[in-house]
Amino acid sequence: NEISVDKDAVIETLSKGFFTRYSNDSADKLV
């Protein structure tokens, strides 16, 4: 199968437990 990697797909994946905030000061910076 295939998936189109659009912005929604990326944002949803970034919300998973693979990633965390770099600091509490910003929700935009993830590691």
PDB file of all heavy atoms in Angstrom:
ATOM      1  N   ASN A   1       0.848  -1.193   0.000  1.00  0.00           N
ATOM      2  CA  ASN A   1       0.000   0.000   0.000  1.00  0.00           C
ATOM      3  C   ASN A   1       0.881   1.239   0.000  1.00  0.00           C
ATOM      4  O   ASN A   1       2.093   1.151   0.190  1.00  0.00           O
ATOM      5  CB  ASN A   1      -0.907   0.014   1.237  1.00  0.00           C
ATOM      6  CG  ASN A   1      -1.912  -1.113   1.238  1.00  0.00           C
ATOM      7  OD1 ASN A   1      -3.024  -0.976   0.765  1.00  0.00           O
ATOM      8  ND2 ASN A   1      -1.516  -2.259   1.795  1.00  0.00           N
ATOM      9  N   GLU A   2       0.266   2.388  -0.186  1.00  0.00           N
ATOM     10  CA  GLU A   2       1.018   3.629  -0.127  1.00  0.00           C
ATOM     11  C   GLU A   2       0.229   4.690   0.617  1.00  0.00           C
ATOM     12  O   GLU A   2      -0.992   4.629   0.718  1.00  0.00           O
ATOM     13  CB  GLU A   2       1.367   4.131  -1.535  1.00  0.00           C
ATOM     14  CG  GLU A   2       0.173   4.531  -2.385  1.00  0.00           C
ATOM     15  CD  GLU A   2       0.598   5.015  -3.760  1.00  0.00           C
ATOM     16  OE1 GLU A   2       1.369   4.314  -4.425  1.00  0.00           O
ATOM     17  OE2 GLU A   2       0.146   6.118  -4.149  1.00  0.00           O
ATOM     18  N   ILE A   3       0.963   5.647   1.147  1.00  0.00           N
ATOM     19  CA  ILE A   3       0.351   6.771   1.836  1.00  0.00           C
ATOM     20  C   ILE A   3       0.951   8.057   1.293  1.00  0.00           C
ATOM     21  O   ILE A   3       2.165   8.150   1.079  1.00  0.00           O
ATOM     22  CB  ILE A   3       0.544   6.703   3.368  1.00  0.00           C
ATOM     23  CG1 ILE A   3      -0.035   7.966   4.030  1.00  0.00           C
ATOM     24  CG2 ILE A   3       2.005   6.503   3.747  1.00  0.00           C
ATOM     25  CD1 ILE A   3       0.002   7.957   5.535  1.00  0.00           C
ATOM     26  N   SER A   4       0.112   9.020   1.041  1.00  0.00           N
ATOM     27  CA  SER A   4       0.569  10.338   0.638  1.00  0.00           C
ATOM     28  C   SER A   4       1.027  11.080   1.894  1.00  0.00           C
ATOM     29  O   SER A   4       0.259  11.257   2.841  1.00  0.00           O
ATOM     30  CB  SER A   4      -0.564  11.108  -0.045  1.00  0.00           C
ATOM     31  OG  SER A   4      -0.151  12.426  -0.353  1.00  0.00           O
ATOM     32  N   VAL A   5       2.277  11.486   1.906  1.00  0.00           N
ATOM     33  CA  VAL A   5       2.841  12.124   3.099  1.00  0.00           C
ATOM     34  C   VAL A   5       2.548  13.619   3.041  1.00  0.00           C
ATOM     35  O   VAL A   5       3.361  14.428   2.588  1.00  0.00           O
ATOM     36  CB  VAL A   5       4.352  11.853   3.215  1.00  0.00           C
ATOM     37  CG1 VAL A   5       4.886  12.418   4.542  1.00  0.00           C
ATOM     38  CG2 VAL A   5       4.632  10.361   3.140  1.00  0.00           C
ATOM     39  N   ASP A   6       1.354  13.969   3.496  1.00  0.00           N
ATOM     40  CA  ASP A   6       0.969  15.372   3.531  1.00  0.00           C
ATOM     41  C   ASP A   6       1.215  15.942   4.923  1.00  0.00           C
ATOM     42  O   ASP A   6       1.701  15.254   5.825  1.00  0.00           O
ATOM     43  CB  ASP A   6      -0.492  15.546   3.109  1.00  0.00           C
ATOM     44  CG  ASP A   6      -1.458  14.737   3.978  1.00  0.00           C
ATOM     45  OD1 ASP A   6      -1.087  14.331   5.102  1.00  0.00           O
ATOM     46  OD2 ASP A   6      -2.596  14.494   3.530  1.00  0.00           O
ATOM     47  N   LYS A   7       0.868  17.195   5.116  1.00  0.00           N
ATOM     48  CA  LYS A   7       1.149  17.863   6.384  1.00  0.00           C
ATOM     49  C   LYS A   7       0.385  17.218   7.530  1.00  0.00           C
ATOM     50  O   LYS A   7       0.927  17.046   8.635  1.00  0.00           O
ATOM     51  CB  LYS A   7       0.795  19.351   6.287  1.00  0.00           C
ATOM     52  CG  LYS A   7       1.196  20.139   7.529  1.00  0.00           C
ATOM     53  CD  LYS A   7       1.007  21.634   7.318  1.00  0.00           C
ATOM     54  CE  LYS A   7       1.475  22.416   8.535  1.00  0.00           C
ATOM     55  NZ  LYS A   7       1.328  23.880   8.325  1.00  0.00           N
ATOM     56  N   ASP A   8      -0.864  16.822   7.304  1.00  0.00           N
ATOM     57  CA  ASP A   8      -1.648  16.191   8.361  1.00  0.00           C
ATOM     58  C   ASP A   8      -1.007  14.887   8.831  1.00  0.00           C
ATOM     59  O   ASP A   8      -0.972  14.590  10.028  1.00  0.00           O
ATOM     60  CB  ASP A   8      -3.078  15.913   7.874  1.00  0.00           C
ATOM     61  CG  ASP A   8      -3.919  17.177   7.783  1.00  0.00           C
ATOM     62  OD1 ASP A   8      -3.484  18.210   8.325  1.00  0.00           O
ATOM     63  OD2 ASP A   8      -4.987  17.124   7.164  1.00  0.00           O
ATOM     64  N   ALA A   9      -0.490  14.098   7.871  1.00  0.00           N
ATOM     65  CA  ALA A   9       0.146  12.829   8.230  1.00  0.00           C
ATOM     66  C   ALA A   9       1.392  13.064   9.072  1.00  0.00           C
ATOM     67  O   ALA A   9       1.649  12.334  10.045  1.00  0.00           O
ATOM     68  CB  ALA A   9       0.493  12.042   6.974  1.00  0.00           C
ATOM     69  N   VAL A  10       2.160  14.073   8.712  1.00  0.00           N
ATOM     70  CA  VAL A  10       3.378  14.376   9.469  1.00  0.00           C
ATOM     71  C   VAL A  10       3.043  14.882  10.868  1.00  0.00           C
ATOM     72  O   VAL A  10       3.623  14.431  11.866  1.00  0.00           O
ATOM     73  CB  VAL A  10       4.245  15.405   8.710  1.00  0.00           C
ATOM     74  CG1 VAL A  10       5.383  15.920   9.600  1.00  0.00           C
ATOM     75  CG2 VAL A  10       4.808  14.795   7.440  1.00  0.00           C
ATOM     76  N   ILE A  11       2.085  15.804  10.958  1.00  0.00           N
ATOM     77  CA  ILE A  11       1.716  16.364  12.264  1.00  0.00           C
ATOM     78  C   ILE A  11       1.169  15.279  13.178  1.00  0.00           C
ATOM     79  O   ILE A  11       1.492  15.225  14.376  1.00  0.00           O
ATOM     80  CB  ILE A  11       0.678  17.498  12.094  1.00  0.00           C
ATOM     81  CG1 ILE A  11       1.323  18.704  11.395  1.00  0.00           C
ATOM     82  CG2 ILE A  11       0.119  17.919  13.448  1.00  0.00           C
ATOM     83  CD1 ILE A  11       2.462  19.353  12.171  1.00  0.00           C
ATOM     84  N   GLU A  12       0.347  14.389  12.633  1.00  0.00           N
ATOM     85  CA  GLU A  12      -0.193  13.307  13.461  1.00  0.00           C
ATOM     86  C   GLU A  12       0.922  12.396  13.957  1.00  0.00           C
ATOM     87  O   GLU A  12       0.940  11.991  15.125  1.00  0.00           O
ATOM     88  CB  GLU A  12      -1.217  12.493  12.679  1.00  0.00           C
ATOM     89  CG  GLU A  12      -1.850  11.391  13.517  1.00  0.00           C
ATOM     90  CD  GLU A  12      -2.960  10.649  12.790  1.00  0.00           C
ATOM     91  OE1 GLU A  12      -3.589  11.249  11.899  1.00  0.00           O
ATOM     92  OE2 GLU A  12      -3.185   9.473  13.116  1.00  0.00           O
ATOM     93  N   THR A  13       1.864  12.069  13.098  1.00  0.00           N
ATOM     94  CA  THR A  13       2.982  11.207  13.508  1.00  0.00           C
ATOM     95  C   THR A  13       3.837  11.885  14.567  1.00  0.00           C
ATOM     96  O   THR A  13       4.304  11.244  15.518  1.00  0.00           O
ATOM     97  CB  THR A  13       3.843  10.838  12.282  1.00  0.00           C
ATOM     98  OG1 THR A  13       3.012  10.190  11.305  1.00  0.00           O
ATOM     99  CG2 THR A  13       4.966   9.899  12.673  1.00  0.00           C
ATOM    100  N   LEU A  14       4.032  13.180  14.424  1.00  0.00           N
ATOM    101  CA  LEU A  14       4.823  13.921  15.415  1.00  0.00           C
ATOM    102  C   LEU A  14       4.139  13.979  16.778  1.00  0.00           C
ATOM    103  O   LEU A  14       4.784  14.283  17.785  1.00  0.00           O
ATOM    104  CB  LEU A  14       5.097  15.340  14.914  1.00  0.00           C
ATOM    105  CG  LEU A  14       6.046  15.473  13.715  1.00  0.00           C
ATOM    106  CD1 LEU A  14       6.118  16.922  13.250  1.00  0.00           C
ATOM    107  CD2 LEU A  14       7.432  14.950  14.054  1.00  0.00           C
ATOM    108  N   SER A  15       2.849  13.677  16.817  1.00  0.00           N
ATOM    109  CA  SER A  15       2.127  13.694  18.097  1.00  0.00           C
ATOM    110  C   SER A  15       2.285  12.382  18.866  1.00  0.00           C
ATOM    111  O   SER A  15       1.848  12.284  20.011  1.00  0.00           O
ATOM    112  CB  SER A  15       0.635  13.956  17.846  1.00  0.00           C
ATOM    113  OG  SER A  15       0.002  12.804  17.296  1.00  0.00           O
ATOM    114  N   LYS A  16       2.924  11.393  18.261  1.00  0.00           N
ATOM    115  CA  LYS A  16       3.073  10.092  18.895  1.00  0.00           C
ATOM    116  C   LYS A  16       4.239  10.093  19.876  1.00  0.00           C
ATOM    117  O   LYS A  16       5.012  11.044  19.964  1.00  0.00           O
ATOM    118  CB  LYS A  16       3.300   9.010  17.826  1.00  0.00           C
ATOM    119  CG  LYS A  16       2.174   8.905  16.800  1.00  0.00           C
ATOM    120  CD  LYS A  16       0.877   8.427  17.431  1.00  0.00           C
ATOM    121  CE  LYS A  16      -0.205   8.219  16.376  1.00  0.00           C
ATOM    122  NZ  LYS A  16      -1.479   7.716  16.946  1.00  0.00           N
ATOM    123  N   GLY A  17       4.373   8.970  20.589  1.00  0.00           N
ATOM    124  CA  GLY A  17       5.378   8.868  21.640  1.00  0.00           C
ATOM    125  C   GLY A  17       6.816   8.807  21.173  1.00  0.00           C
ATOM    126  O   GLY A  17       7.731   8.753  21.997  1.00  0.00           O
ATOM    127  N   PHE A  18       7.059   8.811  19.859  1.00  0.00           N
ATOM    128  CA  PHE A  18       8.423   8.889  19.357  1.00  0.00           C
ATOM    129  C   PHE A  18       9.085  10.215  19.716  1.00  0.00           C
ATOM    130  O   PHE A  18      10.307  10.302  19.810  1.00  0.00           O
ATOM    131  CB  PHE A  18       8.446   8.775  17.822  1.00  0.00           C
ATOM    132  CG  PHE A  18       7.921   7.490  17.277  1.00  0.00           C
ATOM    133  CD1 PHE A  18       6.725   7.459  16.571  1.00  0.00           C
ATOM    134  CD2 PHE A  18       8.617   6.302  17.461  1.00  0.00           C
ATOM    135  CE1 PHE A  18       6.238   6.271  16.043  1.00  0.00           C
ATOM    136  CE2 PHE A  18       8.142   5.112  16.938  1.00  0.00           C
ATOM    137  CZ  PHE A  18       6.944   5.095  16.233  1.00  0.00           C
ATOM    138  N   PHE A  19       8.244  11.238  19.889  1.00  0.00           N
ATOM    139  CA  PHE A  19       8.757  12.593  20.009  1.00  0.00           C
ATOM    140  C   PHE A  19       8.315  13.230  21.323  1.00  0.00           C
ATOM    141  O   PHE A  19       7.284  12.880  21.890  1.00  0.00           O
ATOM    142  CB  PHE A  19       8.266  13.454  18.831  1.00  0.00           C
ATOM    143  CG  PHE A  19       8.603  12.859  17.491  1.00  0.00           C
ATOM    144  CD1 PHE A  19       7.664  12.110  16.784  1.00  0.00           C
ATOM    145  CD2 PHE A  19       9.862  13.026  16.935  1.00  0.00           C
ATOM    146  CE1 PHE A  19       7.967  11.542  15.558  1.00  0.00           C
ATOM    147  CE2 PHE A  19      10.179  12.466  15.706  1.00  0.00           C
ATOM    148  CZ  PHE A  19       9.236  11.725  15.020  1.00  0.00           C
ATOM    149  N   THR A  20       9.116  14.192  21.763  1.00  0.00           N
ATOM    150  CA  THR A  20       8.799  14.934  22.975  1.00  0.00           C
ATOM    151  C   THR A  20       9.260  16.376  22.796  1.00  0.00           C
ATOM    152  O   THR A  20      10.088  16.676  21.929  1.00  0.00           O
ATOM    153  CB  THR A  20       9.503  14.301  24.200  1.00  0.00           C
ATOM    154  OG1 THR A  20       9.054  14.938  25.397  1.00  0.00           O
ATOM    155  CG2 THR A  20      11.029  14.435  24.102  1.00  0.00           C
ATOM    156  N   ARG A  21       8.721  17.245  23.613  1.00  0.00           N
ATOM    157  CA  ARG A  21       9.145  18.646  23.556  1.00  0.00           C
ATOM    158  C   ARG A  21      10.615  18.769  23.958  1.00  0.00           C
ATOM    159  O   ARG A  21      11.073  18.133  24.901  1.00  0.00           O
ATOM    160  CB  ARG A  21       8.308  19.505  24.497  1.00  0.00           C
ATOM    161  CG  ARG A  21       6.868  19.703  24.063  1.00  0.00           C
ATOM    162  CD  ARG A  21       6.190  20.674  25.004  1.00  0.00           C
ATOM    163  NE  ARG A  21       4.784  20.868  24.668  1.00  0.00           N
ATOM    164  CZ  ARG A  21       3.983  21.720  25.287  1.00  0.00           C
ATOM    165  NH1 ARG A  21       4.471  22.456  26.283  1.00  0.00           N
ATOM    166  NH2 ARG A  21       2.718  21.843  24.921  1.00  0.00           N
ATOM    167  N   TYR A  22      11.331  19.621  23.241  1.00  0.00           N
ATOM    168  CA  TYR A  22      12.724  19.889  23.596  1.00  0.00           C
ATOM    169  C   TYR A  22      12.798  20.594  24.938  1.00  0.00           C
ATOM    170  O   TYR A  22      13.704  20.354  25.733  1.00  0.00           O
ATOM    171  CB  TYR A  22      13.383  20.731  22.510  1.00  0.00           C
ATOM    172  CG  TYR A  22      14.838  21.036  22.761  1.00  0.00           C
ATOM    173  CD1 TYR A  22      15.817  20.092  22.467  1.00  0.00           C
ATOM    174  CD2 TYR A  22      15.229  22.271  23.290  1.00  0.00           C
ATOM    175  CE1 TYR A  22      17.156  20.358  22.697  1.00  0.00           C
ATOM    176  CE2 TYR A  22      16.571  22.546  23.524  1.00  0.00           C
ATOM    177  CZ  TYR A  22      17.522  21.592  23.232  1.00  0.00           C
ATOM    178  OH  TYR A  22      18.844  21.865  23.468  1.00  0.00           O
ATOM    179  N   SER A  23      11.836  21.459  25.181  1.00  0.00           N
ATOM    180  CA  SER A  23      11.741  22.154  26.464  1.00  0.00           C
ATOM    181  C   SER A  23      10.293  22.533  26.699  1.00  0.00           C
ATOM    182  O   SER A  23       9.463  22.483  25.787  1.00  0.00           O
ATOM    183  CB  SER A  23      12.633  23.408  26.482  1.00  0.00           C
ATOM    184  OG  SER A  23      12.120  24.386  25.595  1.00  0.00           O
ATOM    185  N   ASN A  24       9.972  22.907  27.912  1.00  0.00           N
ATOM    186  CA  ASN A  24       8.603  23.309  28.239  1.00  0.00           C
ATOM    187  C   ASN A  24       8.258  24.690  27.701  1.00  0.00           C
ATOM    188  O   ASN A  24       7.103  25.103  27.747  1.00  0.00           O
ATOM    189  CB  ASN A  24       8.402  23.286  29.755  1.00  0.00           C
ATOM    190  CG  ASN A  24       8.450  21.882  30.319  1.00  0.00           C
ATOM    191  OD1 ASN A  24       8.048  20.930  29.647  1.00  0.00           O
ATOM    192  ND2 ASN A  24       8.939  21.748  31.534  1.00  0.00           N
ATOM    193  N   ASP A  25       9.273  25.377  27.193  1.00  0.00           N
ATOM    194  CA  ASP A  25       9.043  26.745  26.730  1.00  0.00           C
ATOM    195  C   ASP A  25       8.333  26.804  25.382  1.00  0.00           C
ATOM    196  O   ASP A  25       7.706  27.805  25.054  1.00  0.00           O
ATOM    197  CB  ASP A  25      10.379  27.502  26.621  1.00  0.00           C
ATOM    198  CG  ASP A  25      11.074  27.632  27.963  1.00  0.00           C
ATOM    199  OD1 ASP A  25      10.368  27.608  28.983  1.00  0.00           O
ATOM    200  OD2 ASP A  25      12.317  27.735  27.984  1.00  0.00           O
ATOM    201  N   SER A  26       8.459  25.733  24.594  1.00  0.00           N
ATOM    202  CA  SER A  26       7.883  25.759  23.245  1.00  0.00           C
ATOM    203  C   SER A  26       7.324  24.397  22.875  1.00  0.00           C
ATOM    204  O   SER A  26       8.000  23.370  23.033  1.00  0.00           O
ATOM    205  CB  SER A  26       8.953  26.182  22.224  1.00  0.00           C
ATOM    206  OG  SER A  26       8.452  26.071  20.910  1.00  0.00           O
ATOM    207  N   ALA A  27       6.096  24.402  22.364  1.00  0.00           N
ATOM    208  CA  ALA A  27       5.482  23.157  21.884  1.00  0.00           C
ATOM    209  C   ALA A  27       5.854  22.889  20.437  1.00  0.00           C
ATOM    210  O   ALA A  27       5.519  21.834  19.895  1.00  0.00           O
ATOM    211  CB  ALA A  27       3.960  23.248  22.023  1.00  0.00           C
ATOM    212  N   ASP A  28       6.548  23.824  19.799  1.00  0.00           N
ATOM    213  CA  ASP A  28       6.888  23.691  18.383  1.00  0.00           C
ATOM    214  C   ASP A  28       8.206  22.970  18.148  1.00  0.00           C
ATOM    215  O   ASP A  28       8.466  22.495  17.043  1.00  0.00           O
ATOM    216  CB  ASP A  28       6.961  25.078  17.729  1.00  0.00           C
ATOM    217  CG  ASP A  28       5.597  25.734  17.628  1.00  0.00           C
ATOM    218  OD1 ASP A  28       4.601  24.995  17.492  1.00  0.00           O
ATOM    219  OD2 ASP A  28       5.528  26.966  17.680  1.00  0.00           O
ATOM    220  N   LYS A  29       9.059  22.887  19.165  1.00  0.00           N
ATOM    221  CA  LYS A  29      10.390  22.298  19.021  1.00  0.00           C
ATOM    222  C   LYS A  29      10.402  20.888  19.609  1.00  0.00           C
ATOM    223  O   LYS A  29      10.271  20.709  20.817  1.00  0.00           O
ATOM    224  CB  LYS A  29      11.432  23.185  19.707  1.00  0.00           C
ATOM    225  CG  LYS A  29      12.868  22.767  19.455  1.00  0.00           C
ATOM    226  CD  LYS A  29      13.829  23.759  20.113  1.00  0.00           C
ATOM    227  CE  LYS A  29      15.276  23.388  19.846  1.00  0.00           C
ATOM    228  NZ  LYS A  29      16.210  24.334  20.505  1.00  0.00           N
ATOM    229  N   LEU A  30      10.544  19.893  18.755  1.00  0.00           N
ATOM    230  CA  LEU A  30      10.480  18.503  19.188  1.00  0.00           C
ATOM    231  C   LEU A  30      11.815  17.795  18.960  1.00  0.00           C
ATOM    232  O   LEU A  30      12.575  18.148  18.058  1.00  0.00           O
ATOM    233  CB  LEU A  30       9.395  17.748  18.408  1.00  0.00           C
ATOM    234  CG  LEU A  30       7.975  18.291  18.469  1.00  0.00           C
ATOM    235  CD1 LEU A  30       7.062  17.464  17.572  1.00  0.00           C
ATOM    236  CD2 LEU A  30       7.452  18.299  19.903  1.00  0.00           C
ATOM    237  N   VAL A  31      12.071  16.791  19.792  1.00  0.00           N
ATOM    238  CA  VAL A  31      13.207  15.895  19.602  1.00  0.00           C
ATOM    239  C   VAL A  31      12.713  14.469  19.795  1.00  0.00           C
ATOM    240  O   VAL A  31      11.594  14.233  20.268  1.00  0.00           O
ATOM    241  CB  VAL A  31      14.345  16.194  20.601  1.00  0.00           C
ATOM    242  CG1 VAL A  31      14.985  17.538  20.316  1.00  0.00           C
ATOM    243  CG2 VAL A  31      13.846  16.126  22.043  1.00  0.00           C
TER     244      VAL A  31
END
